[in-house]
Amino acid sequence: MQHRTLRVIGPVGRTDQTGELLGRRSMLERGAMESIKEHSGLTAAVTKVFERPGRLSHGAKVKRGQLTAVQQGRYGTGPAPYGYRRGTDENKPLAIDDREAEVVRMIFREYLITKSTGKVVNYLHSKGVYTRKGNRWSRQAIAIILSNRTYRGRVSYGEVETEGLHEPIIEPALFYKANALKERKRRRRKGEEGAED
């Protein structure tokens, strides 16, 4: 495998680290790693790849693939989130599943009305709406949907987040409202627990 060399100039002039990032061999000047981390906001996963000498492990290759996909706006590996299905077009890696997408919208609307994941679960079951596999909804499943940025058209891996190639199901304003409510409730619960200690 042939590598293109990327030379990063750091505060001290001696090259002493090599690693691979996104298929390119990188030579880093001593002390440059801290500067790169500070100024570029690289995640721990990415800096680990930078710092690791020699060949990449399987895990590092998987992380590299996930990071590359997110940087290109593609949803990573694994099944499509509820509300989407895997697209056949590489430019649209996720396609909206109309029936499931309506359930996702219902979840966000009902959560803002009832302010309770438990009440959302009860509402869905009263309407005969179940998960993709036909199971009952749980409060945790509702909480995961409410916090999943994919629904507002974003893709993320670790701390890296970019605009996705897929269409959003939820308007950003609705997404932020629901998550602000979740955060207020979390803080209130945390405050109540702290008062009991």
C-alpha atoms as a PDB file:
ATOM      1  CA  MET A   1       0.000   0.000   0.000  1.00  0.00           C
ATOM      2  CA  GLN A   2       1.465   3.325  -1.004  1.00  0.00           C
ATOM      3  CA  HIS A   3       1.093   6.239   1.404  1.00  0.00           C
ATOM      4  CA  ARG A   4       1.101   9.947   0.799  1.00  0.00           C
ATOM      5  CA  THR A   5       2.983  11.800   3.494  1.00  0.00           C
ATOM      6  CA  LEU A   6       1.352  14.585   5.427  1.00  0.00           C
ATOM      7  CA  ARG A   7       3.840  16.648   7.354  1.00  0.00           C
ATOM      8  CA  VAL A   8       2.529  18.602  10.294  1.00  0.00           C
ATOM      9  CA  ILE A   9       4.762  21.404  11.475  1.00  0.00           C
ATOM     10  CA  GLY A  10       4.876  21.729  15.246  1.00  0.00           C
ATOM     11  CA  PRO A  11       6.617  24.021  17.701  1.00  0.00           C
ATOM     12  CA  VAL A  12       9.714  21.784  17.858  1.00  0.00           C
ATOM     13  CA  GLY A  13      11.494  20.604  14.702  1.00  0.00           C
ATOM     14  CA  ARG A  14      12.089  16.863  15.234  1.00  0.00           C
ATOM     15  CA  THR A  15       9.866  14.221  13.630  1.00  0.00           C
ATOM     16  CA  ASP A  16       9.306  11.338  16.015  1.00  0.00           C
ATOM     17  CA  GLN A  17       5.775  10.004  15.590  1.00  0.00           C
ATOM     18  CA  THR A  18       4.133   8.243  12.672  1.00  0.00           C
ATOM     19  CA  GLY A  19       0.617   6.994  12.329  1.00  0.00           C
ATOM     20  CA  GLU A  20      -2.094   6.572   9.729  1.00  0.00           C
ATOM     21  CA  LEU A  21      -5.204   8.654   9.383  1.00  0.00           C
ATOM     22  CA  LEU A  22      -7.745   8.079   6.654  1.00  0.00           C
ATOM     23  CA  GLY A  23      -5.294   5.998   4.613  1.00  0.00           C
ATOM     24  CA  ARG A  24      -2.396   8.480   4.665  1.00  0.00           C
ATOM     25  CA  ARG A  25       0.798   8.110   6.672  1.00  0.00           C
ATOM     26  CA  SER A  26       1.318  11.111   8.899  1.00  0.00           C
ATOM     27  CA  MET A  27       4.598  12.353  10.283  1.00  0.00           C
ATOM     28  CA  LEU A  28       4.149  14.544  13.319  1.00  0.00           C
ATOM     29  CA  GLU A  29       6.650  16.920  14.793  1.00  0.00           C
ATOM     30  CA  ARG A  30       7.333  16.532  18.523  1.00  0.00           C
ATOM     31  CA  GLY A  31       4.816  18.636  20.407  1.00  0.00           C
ATOM     32  CA  ALA A  32       2.578  19.133  17.379  1.00  0.00           C
ATOM     33  CA  MET A  33      -0.008  16.614  18.612  1.00  0.00           C
ATOM     34  CA  GLU A  34      -1.134  18.858  21.488  1.00  0.00           C
ATOM     35  CA  SER A  35      -1.325  21.811  19.102  1.00  0.00           C
ATOM     36  CA  ILE A  36      -3.428  19.803  16.624  1.00  0.00           C
ATOM     37  CA  LYS A  37      -5.774  18.571  19.362  1.00  0.00           C
ATOM     38  CA  GLU A  38      -6.178  22.082  20.734  1.00  0.00           C
ATOM     39  CA  HIS A  39      -6.857  23.861  17.467  1.00  0.00           C
ATOM     40  CA  SER A  40      -8.713  21.326  15.370  1.00  0.00           C
ATOM     41  CA  GLY A  41     -11.033  19.776  17.947  1.00  0.00           C
ATOM     42  CA  LEU A  42      -9.960  16.257  16.992  1.00  0.00           C
ATOM     43  CA  THR A  43     -11.764  13.563  18.952  1.00  0.00           C
ATOM     44  CA  ALA A  44      -9.959  11.025  21.092  1.00  0.00           C
ATOM     45  CA  ALA A  45     -10.640   8.336  18.461  1.00  0.00           C
ATOM     46  CA  VAL A  46      -8.982  10.394  15.735  1.00  0.00           C
ATOM     47  CA  THR A  47      -5.979  11.445  17.821  1.00  0.00           C
ATOM     48  CA  LYS A  48      -5.480   7.812  18.863  1.00  0.00           C
ATOM     49  CA  VAL A  49      -5.198   6.902  15.179  1.00  0.00           C
ATOM     50  CA  PHE A  50      -2.705   9.753  14.701  1.00  0.00           C
ATOM     51  CA  GLU A  51      -0.590   8.644  17.635  1.00  0.00           C
ATOM     52  CA  ARG A  52      -0.567   4.923  16.926  1.00  0.00           C
ATOM     53  CA  PRO A  53       2.639   3.883  15.166  1.00  0.00           C
ATOM     54  CA  GLY A  54       2.616   1.297  12.400  1.00  0.00           C
ATOM     55  CA  ARG A  55      -0.352  -0.548  10.936  1.00  0.00           C
ATOM     56  CA  LEU A  56      -3.926   0.049  11.988  1.00  0.00           C
ATOM     57  CA  SER A  57      -5.806  -2.536  14.025  1.00  0.00           C
ATOM     58  CA  HIS A  58      -9.197  -3.754  12.830  1.00  0.00           C
ATOM     59  CA  GLY A  59     -10.906  -1.550  15.437  1.00  0.00           C
ATOM     60  CA  ALA A  60      -9.001   1.524  14.251  1.00  0.00           C
ATOM     61  CA  LYS A  61      -9.970   0.764  10.640  1.00  0.00           C
ATOM     62  CA  VAL A  62     -13.643   0.518  11.651  1.00  0.00           C
ATOM     63  CA  LYS A  63     -13.405   3.833  13.520  1.00  0.00           C
ATOM     64  CA  ARG A  64     -11.674   5.397  10.532  1.00  0.00           C
ATOM     65  CA  GLY A  65     -14.458   4.131   8.245  1.00  0.00           C
ATOM     66  CA  GLN A  66     -17.160   5.493  10.565  1.00  0.00           C
ATOM     67  CA  LEU A  67     -15.422   8.866  10.787  1.00  0.00           C
ATOM     68  CA  THR A  68     -14.972   9.054   7.012  1.00  0.00           C
ATOM     69  CA  ALA A  69     -18.647   8.220   6.445  1.00  0.00           C
ATOM     70  CA  VAL A  70     -19.772  10.967   8.840  1.00  0.00           C
ATOM     71  CA  GLN A  71     -17.404  13.511   7.302  1.00  0.00           C
ATOM     72  CA  GLN A  72     -19.051  12.735   3.936  1.00  0.00           C
ATOM     73  CA  GLY A  73     -22.545  13.111   5.433  1.00  0.00           C
ATOM     74  CA  ARG A  74     -23.357   9.405   5.259  1.00  0.00           C
ATOM     75  CA  TYR A  75     -25.014   7.518   8.107  1.00  0.00           C
ATOM     76  CA  GLY A  76     -22.571   4.950   9.546  1.00  0.00           C
ATOM     77  CA  THR A  77     -22.913   1.217   9.858  1.00  0.00           C
ATOM     78  CA  GLY A  78     -25.692  -0.766  11.459  1.00  0.00           C
ATOM     79  CA  PRO A  79     -29.406  -0.773  10.812  1.00  0.00           C
ATOM     80  CA  ALA A  80     -31.158   2.408   9.748  1.00  0.00           C
ATOM     81  CA  PRO A  81     -32.814   4.269  12.627  1.00  0.00           C
ATOM     82  CA  TYR A  82     -36.564   3.823  13.062  1.00  0.00           C
ATOM     83  CA  GLY A  83     -38.212   6.112  10.488  1.00  0.00           C
ATOM     84  CA  TYR A  84     -35.618   5.367   7.807  1.00  0.00           C
ATOM     85  CA  ARG A  85     -34.514   2.444   5.680  1.00  0.00           C
ATOM     86  CA  ARG A  86     -31.186   1.951   3.962  1.00  0.00           C
ATOM     87  CA  GLY A  87     -31.186   3.769   0.612  1.00  0.00           C
ATOM     88  CA  THR A  88     -30.012   2.165  -2.605  1.00  0.00           C
ATOM     89  CA  ASP A  89     -28.357   5.369  -3.846  1.00  0.00           C
ATOM     90  CA  GLU A  90     -24.942   6.105  -2.297  1.00  0.00           C
ATOM     91  CA  ASN A  91     -25.795   9.827  -2.337  1.00  0.00           C
ATOM     92  CA  LYS A  92     -28.890   9.081  -0.225  1.00  0.00           C
ATOM     93  CA  PRO A  93     -27.746   6.401   2.235  1.00  0.00           C
ATOM     94  CA  LEU A  94     -30.969   6.735   4.265  1.00  0.00           C
ATOM     95  CA  ALA A  95     -34.439   6.948   2.745  1.00  0.00           C
ATOM     96  CA  ILE A  96     -37.510   7.963   4.714  1.00  0.00           C
ATOM     97  CA  ASP A  97     -39.958   5.186   5.554  1.00  0.00           C
ATOM     98  CA  ASP A  98     -43.235   7.140   5.431  1.00  0.00           C
ATOM     99  CA  ARG A  99     -45.162   5.004   7.932  1.00  0.00           C
ATOM    100  CA  GLU A 100     -42.363   4.936  10.523  1.00  0.00           C
ATOM    101  CA  ALA A 101     -41.521   8.614   9.944  1.00  0.00           C
ATOM    102  CA  GLU A 102     -45.082   9.554  10.884  1.00  0.00           C
ATOM    103  CA  VAL A 103     -44.651   7.619  14.142  1.00  0.00           C
ATOM    104  CA  VAL A 104     -41.424   9.537  14.841  1.00  0.00           C
ATOM    105  CA  ARG A 105     -43.266  12.840  14.291  1.00  0.00           C
ATOM    106  CA  MET A 106     -46.050  11.583  16.565  1.00  0.00           C
ATOM    107  CA  ILE A 107     -43.483  10.772  19.278  1.00  0.00           C
ATOM    108  CA  PHE A 108     -42.018  14.287  19.183  1.00  0.00           C
ATOM    109  CA  ARG A 109     -45.466  15.976  19.172  1.00  0.00           C
ATOM    110  CA  GLU A 110     -46.844  13.840  21.992  1.00  0.00           C
ATOM    111  CA  TYR A 111     -43.729  14.303  24.107  1.00  0.00           C
ATOM    112  CA  LEU A 112     -44.063  18.089  23.878  1.00  0.00           C
ATOM    113  CA  ILE A 113     -47.770  17.851  24.768  1.00  0.00           C
ATOM    114  CA  THR A 114     -47.516  15.303  27.612  1.00  0.00           C
ATOM    115  CA  LYS A 115     -43.934  16.059  28.776  1.00  0.00           C
ATOM    116  CA  SER A 116     -43.557  12.359  29.605  1.00  0.00           C
ATOM    117  CA  THR A 117     -41.939   9.437  27.768  1.00  0.00           C
ATOM    118  CA  GLY A 118     -44.244   7.072  29.719  1.00  0.00           C
ATOM    119  CA  LYS A 119     -47.330   8.879  28.437  1.00  0.00           C
ATOM    120  CA  VAL A 120     -45.940   8.734  24.887  1.00  0.00           C
ATOM    121  CA  VAL A 121     -45.544   4.954  25.267  1.00  0.00           C
ATOM    122  CA  ASN A 122     -49.143   4.656  26.482  1.00  0.00           C
ATOM    123  CA  TYR A 123     -50.382   6.850  23.617  1.00  0.00           C
ATOM    124  CA  LEU A 124     -48.598   4.735  20.984  1.00  0.00           C
ATOM    125  CA  HIS A 125     -49.975   1.492  22.422  1.00  0.00           C
ATOM    126  CA  SER A 126     -53.500   2.956  22.608  1.00  0.00           C
ATOM    127  CA  LYS A 127     -53.209   3.659  18.856  1.00  0.00           C
ATOM    128  CA  GLY A 128     -51.909   0.132  18.148  1.00  0.00           C
ATOM    129  CA  VAL A 129     -48.459   1.407  17.160  1.00  0.00           C
ATOM    130  CA  TYR A 130     -45.537  -0.923  17.911  1.00  0.00           C
ATOM    131  CA  THR A 131     -41.826  -1.044  17.095  1.00  0.00           C
ATOM    132  CA  ARG A 132     -40.394  -2.198  13.780  1.00  0.00           C
ATOM    133  CA  LYS A 133     -40.181  -5.742  15.162  1.00  0.00           C
ATOM    134  CA  GLY A 134     -43.740  -5.606  16.514  1.00  0.00           C
ATOM    135  CA  ASN A 135     -42.673  -5.182  20.150  1.00  0.00           C
ATOM    136  CA  ARG A 136     -44.068  -2.791  22.746  1.00  0.00           C
ATOM    137  CA  TRP A 137     -42.359   0.581  23.059  1.00  0.00           C
ATOM    138  CA  SER A 138     -40.304   1.414  26.139  1.00  0.00           C
ATOM    139  CA  ARG A 139     -39.550   4.754  27.745  1.00  0.00           C
ATOM    140  CA  GLN A 140     -35.867   4.215  26.882  1.00  0.00           C
ATOM    141  CA  ALA A 141     -36.679   3.674  23.183  1.00  0.00           C
ATOM    142  CA  ILE A 142     -38.672   6.917  23.144  1.00  0.00           C
ATOM    143  CA  ALA A 143     -35.810   8.791  24.860  1.00  0.00           C
ATOM    144  CA  ILE A 144     -33.351   7.453  22.267  1.00  0.00           C
ATOM    145  CA  ILE A 145     -35.557   8.617  19.392  1.00  0.00           C
ATOM    146  CA  LEU A 146     -35.977  12.060  20.972  1.00  0.00           C
ATOM    147  CA  SER A 147     -32.206  12.557  21.237  1.00  0.00           C
ATOM    148  CA  ASN A 148     -31.195  11.035  17.874  1.00  0.00           C
ATOM    149  CA  ARG A 149     -29.782  13.855  15.706  1.00  0.00           C
ATOM    150  CA  THR A 150     -30.327  11.803  12.562  1.00  0.00           C
ATOM    151  CA  TYR A 151     -33.989  12.867  12.670  1.00  0.00           C
ATOM    152  CA  ARG A 152     -33.027  16.519  12.181  1.00  0.00           C
ATOM    153  CA  GLY A 153     -30.790  15.685   9.211  1.00  0.00           C
ATOM    154  CA  ARG A 154     -27.447  15.319  10.978  1.00  0.00           C
ATOM    155  CA  VAL A 155     -24.966  12.447  11.252  1.00  0.00           C
ATOM    156  CA  SER A 156     -22.464  12.053  14.058  1.00  0.00           C
ATOM    157  CA  TYR A 157     -19.659   9.858  15.306  1.00  0.00           C
ATOM    158  CA  GLY A 158     -18.264  10.678  18.723  1.00  0.00           C
ATOM    159  CA  GLU A 159     -17.912  14.453  18.859  1.00  0.00           C
ATOM    160  CA  VAL A 160     -17.854  14.852  15.066  1.00  0.00           C
ATOM    161  CA  GLU A 161     -21.195  15.951  13.615  1.00  0.00           C
ATOM    162  CA  THR A 162     -22.005  17.025  10.055  1.00  0.00           C
ATOM    163  CA  GLU A 163     -24.976  17.720   7.808  1.00  0.00           C
ATOM    164  CA  GLY A 164     -26.303  14.378   6.555  1.00  0.00           C
ATOM    165  CA  LEU A 165     -27.061  13.478   2.954  1.00  0.00           C
ATOM    166  CA  HIS A 166     -30.486  12.206   4.056  1.00  0.00           C
ATOM    167  CA  GLU A 167     -33.709  14.187   4.451  1.00  0.00           C
ATOM    168  CA  PRO A 168     -34.656  15.157   8.006  1.00  0.00           C
ATOM    169  CA  ILE A 169     -37.896  13.847   9.506  1.00  0.00           C
ATOM    170  CA  ILE A 170     -38.090  16.456  12.269  1.00  0.00           C
ATOM    171  CA  GLU A 171     -37.668  20.223  11.900  1.00  0.00           C
ATOM    172  CA  PRO A 172     -34.681  21.497  13.922  1.00  0.00           C
ATOM    173  CA  ALA A 173     -36.905  23.786  16.033  1.00  0.00           C
ATOM    174  CA  LEU A 174     -39.107  20.854  17.106  1.00  0.00           C
ATOM    175  CA  PHE A 175     -36.031  18.723  17.833  1.00  0.00           C
ATOM    176  CA  TYR A 176     -34.474  21.458  20.002  1.00  0.00           C
ATOM    177  CA  LYS A 177     -37.746  22.079  21.876  1.00  0.00           C
ATOM    178  CA  ALA A 178     -38.094  18.398  22.766  1.00  0.00           C
ATOM    179  CA  ASN A 179     -34.472  18.114  23.857  1.00  0.00           C
ATOM    180  CA  ALA A 180     -34.607  21.336  25.887  1.00  0.00           C
ATOM    181  CA  LEU A 181     -37.611  19.866  27.726  1.00  0.00           C
ATOM    182  CA  LYS A 182     -35.726  16.590  28.301  1.00  0.00           C
ATOM    183  CA  GLU A 183     -32.740  18.518  29.663  1.00  0.00           C
ATOM    184  CA  ARG A 184     -34.914  20.620  32.025  1.00  0.00           C
ATOM    185  CA  LYS A 185     -36.533  17.452  33.364  1.00  0.00           C
ATOM    186  CA  ARG A 186     -33.125  15.792  33.801  1.00  0.00           C
ATOM    187  CA  ARG A 187     -31.786  18.790  35.752  1.00  0.00           C
ATOM    188  CA  ARG A 188     -34.895  18.886  37.927  1.00  0.00           C
ATOM    189  CA  ARG A 189     -34.514  15.154  38.743  1.00  0.00           C
ATOM    190  CA  LYS A 190     -30.822  15.627  39.455  1.00  0.00           C
ATOM    191  CA  GLY A 191     -31.602  18.578  41.741  1.00  0.00           C
ATOM    192  CA  GLU A 192     -34.179  16.509  43.639  1.00  0.00           C
ATOM    193  CA  GLU A 193     -31.699  13.645  44.083  1.00  0.00           C
ATOM    194  CA  GLY A 194     -29.023  16.084  45.289  1.00  0.00           C
ATOM    195  CA  ALA A 195     -31.442  17.552  47.842  1.00  0.00           C
ATOM    196  CA  GLU A 196     -32.042  14.085  49.350  1.00  0.00           C
ATOM    197  CA  ASP A 197     -28.331  13.349  49.902  1.00  0.00           C
END
